[in-house]
Amino acid sequence: MVEPMTPAERDAGNRKIKAGFVLLVTVSPPLISLLGDPTVTQIAAAAAGGLLLGLLLVWYLGRLASEFTSSSRRPRR
């Protein structure tokens, strides 16, 4: 039988999802900029902008999710 996740396992999984999301958002702008024959500086700027955007999105979505999860917790049956 499968047991419920421990808080440590849940935290580790959440960290992996957040890191994957930030990585995806960070890598996207430089890859798109490759279509326009950019310089190395432009690729680095696109990566930095993507990293900043990814971190902001994770922060915002974390705050948004906490508003729903903190008030809607139901006791287990």
Protein backbone atom coordinates (compact mmCIF):
# COMPACT_ATOMS: atom_id res chain seq x y z
CA MET A 1 0.00 0.00 0.00
CA VAL A 2 1.21 3.49 -0.75
CA GLU A 3 1.72 5.83 2.17
CA PRO A 4 1.16 9.59 2.03
CA MET A 5 4.10 11.84 1.26
CA THR A 6 6.07 13.20 4.16
CA PRO A 7 6.54 16.97 4.43
CA ALA A 8 10.22 16.53 3.51
CA GLU A 9 9.30 14.64 0.33
CA ARG A 10 6.70 17.26 -0.56
CA ASP A 11 9.20 20.09 -0.05
CA ALA A 12 11.82 18.31 -2.18
CA GLY A 13 9.29 17.78 -4.95
CA ASN A 14 8.18 21.40 -4.83
CA ARG A 15 11.81 22.58 -5.06
CA LYS A 16 12.37 20.39 -8.12
CA ILE A 17 9.24 21.71 -9.84
CA LYS A 18 10.23 25.31 -9.10
CA ALA A 19 13.78 24.75 -10.36
CA GLY A 20 12.50 23.11 -13.54
CA PHE A 21 10.07 25.95 -14.16
CA VAL A 22 12.77 28.60 -13.67
CA LEU A 23 15.13 26.64 -15.94
CA LEU A 24 12.49 26.41 -18.67
CA VAL A 25 11.70 30.12 -18.53
CA THR A 26 15.42 31.01 -18.38
CA VAL A 27 16.36 28.95 -21.44
CA SER A 28 13.48 30.05 -23.66
CA PRO A 29 14.50 33.67 -24.47
CA PRO A 30 18.07 32.82 -25.54
CA LEU A 31 16.82 30.02 -27.76
CA ILE A 32 14.27 32.31 -29.39
CA SER A 33 16.91 35.02 -29.84
CA LEU A 34 19.04 32.56 -31.83
CA LEU A 35 16.59 33.03 -34.70
CA GLY A 36 17.86 36.60 -35.19
CA ASP A 37 21.65 35.93 -35.25
CA PRO A 38 22.39 37.62 -31.89
CA THR A 39 25.74 38.50 -30.33
CA VAL A 40 26.97 36.75 -27.19
CA THR A 41 26.02 39.81 -25.15
CA GLN A 42 22.47 39.70 -26.47
CA ILE A 43 22.17 36.00 -25.65
CA ALA A 44 23.46 36.66 -22.12
CA ALA A 45 20.99 39.54 -21.70
CA ALA A 46 18.15 37.30 -22.89
CA ALA A 47 19.19 34.60 -20.40
CA ALA A 48 19.41 37.12 -17.55
CA GLY A 49 15.99 38.50 -18.42
CA GLY A 50 14.57 34.99 -18.59
CA LEU A 51 16.06 34.15 -15.19
CA LEU A 52 14.57 37.27 -13.65
CA LEU A 53 11.20 36.56 -15.23
CA GLY A 54 11.29 32.93 -14.07
CA LEU A 55 12.08 33.90 -10.49
CA LEU A 56 9.32 36.51 -10.48
CA LEU A 57 6.80 34.03 -11.88
CA VAL A 58 7.69 31.37 -9.29
CA TRP A 59 7.40 33.95 -6.50
CA TYR A 60 4.04 35.22 -7.79
CA LEU A 61 2.58 31.76 -8.37
CA GLY A 62 3.76 30.67 -4.92
CA ARG A 63 1.96 33.59 -3.31
CA LEU A 64 -1.14 32.95 -5.40
CA ALA A 65 -1.18 29.24 -4.52
CA SER A 66 -0.70 29.93 -0.81
CA GLU A 67 -3.85 32.04 -0.79
CA PHE A 68 -5.88 29.04 -1.95
CA THR A 69 -4.20 26.30 0.06
CA SER A 70 -4.11 27.99 3.46
CA SER A 71 -7.84 28.70 3.64
CA SER A 72 -9.17 25.58 1.95
CA ARG A 73 -7.46 22.87 3.99
CA ARG A 74 -9.94 20.25 5.04
CA PRO A 75 -9.39 17.64 7.71
CA ARG A 76 -8.83 14.10 6.45
CA ARG A 77 -11.63 11.59 6.79
